[in-house]
Structure formats: structure tokens, C-alpha cells
Amino acid sequence: MDDFEAAITYYHKALWLKPDDQFCTDMLTLALETSCQSTARRK
């Protein structure tokens, strides 16, 4: 379940359809943070 790029894409699409969706905003933030941390660990 480490497909953060797909999750980020889907959350962006969801927010495009419904910009005030707080759940999607929170999950997008979490996915971006986790993706960045995962990338930093690989280096």
C-alpha cells in the first residue's frame, strides 16, 4: 500500500470536484507528507 503517487492524484481529482472536502484535504496532506518522508529515507 505504498502507491502514494496514485493516492495523491486521486485526492487532487476529488478536491477539484469538491474543493471544500476536509477529509480529502487531510488525506492529501498525509499522503504528501508520507511520500516525502519515504523518498527522503531512500536517499
C-alpha atoms as a PDB file:
ATOM      1  CA  MET A   1       0.000   0.000   0.000  1.00  0.00           C
ATOM      2  CA  ASP A   2       2.786   2.431  -0.831  1.00  0.00           C
ATOM      3  CA  ASP A   3       1.296   3.866  -4.016  1.00  0.00           C
ATOM      4  CA  PHE A   4       1.374   7.441  -2.793  1.00  0.00           C
ATOM      5  CA  GLU A   5       1.552   8.922  -6.296  1.00  0.00           C
ATOM      6  CA  ALA A   6      -1.782   7.338  -7.223  1.00  0.00           C
ATOM      7  CA  ALA A   7      -3.356   8.410  -3.933  1.00  0.00           C
ATOM      8  CA  ILE A   8      -2.132  11.970  -4.396  1.00  0.00           C
ATOM      9  CA  THR A   9      -3.546  12.044  -7.921  1.00  0.00           C
ATOM     10  CA  TYR A  10      -6.941  10.747  -6.759  1.00  0.00           C
ATOM     11  CA  TYR A  11      -7.128  13.230  -3.876  1.00  0.00           C
ATOM     12  CA  HIS A  12      -6.300  16.091  -6.250  1.00  0.00           C
ATOM     13  CA  LYS A  13      -9.100  14.939  -8.572  1.00  0.00           C
ATOM     14  CA  ALA A  14     -11.530  14.648  -5.669  1.00  0.00           C
ATOM     15  CA  LEU A  15     -10.647  18.134  -4.463  1.00  0.00           C
ATOM     16  CA  TRP A  16     -11.077  19.502  -7.968  1.00  0.00           C
ATOM     17  CA  LEU A  17     -14.639  18.162  -7.890  1.00  0.00           C
ATOM     18  CA  LYS A  18     -15.339  19.221  -4.310  1.00  0.00           C
ATOM     19  CA  PRO A  19     -12.771  21.775  -3.093  1.00  0.00           C
ATOM     20  CA  ASP A  20     -14.253  22.098   0.409  1.00  0.00           C
ATOM     21  CA  ASP A  21     -13.912  18.380   1.275  1.00  0.00           C
ATOM     22  CA  GLN A  22     -11.937  18.446   4.522  1.00  0.00           C
ATOM     23  CA  PHE A  23     -11.380  14.669   4.578  1.00  0.00           C
ATOM     24  CA  CYS A  24      -9.724  14.724   1.144  1.00  0.00           C
ATOM     25  CA  THR A  25      -7.656  17.743   2.144  1.00  0.00           C
ATOM     26  CA  ASP A  26      -6.430  15.958   5.265  1.00  0.00           C
ATOM     27  CA  MET A  27      -5.699  12.723   3.410  1.00  0.00           C
ATOM     28  CA  LEU A  28      -3.862  14.575   0.628  1.00  0.00           C
ATOM     29  CA  THR A  29      -1.702  16.290   3.234  1.00  0.00           C
ATOM     30  CA  LEU A  30      -0.954  12.950   4.889  1.00  0.00           C
ATOM     31  CA  ALA A  31      -0.141  11.282   1.554  1.00  0.00           C
ATOM     32  CA  LEU A  32       2.195  14.129   0.565  1.00  0.00           C
ATOM     33  CA  GLU A  33       3.984  14.096   3.921  1.00  0.00           C
ATOM     34  CA  THR A  34       4.380  10.315   3.902  1.00  0.00           C
ATOM     35  CA  SER A  35       5.567  10.313   0.303  1.00  0.00           C
ATOM     36  CA  CYS A  36       8.198  12.949   1.088  1.00  0.00           C
ATOM     37  CA  GLN A  37       9.387  11.047   4.149  1.00  0.00           C
ATOM     38  CA  SER A  38       9.545   7.811   2.174  1.00  0.00           C
ATOM     39  CA  THR A  39      11.569   9.486  -0.575  1.00  0.00           C
ATOM     40  CA  ALA A  40      13.951  11.060   1.947  1.00  0.00           C
ATOM     41  CA  ARG A  41      14.622   7.681   3.585  1.00  0.00           C
ATOM     42  CA  ARG A  42      15.628   6.131   0.265  1.00  0.00           C
ATOM     43  CA  LYS A  43      18.417   8.667  -0.235  1.00  0.00           C
END
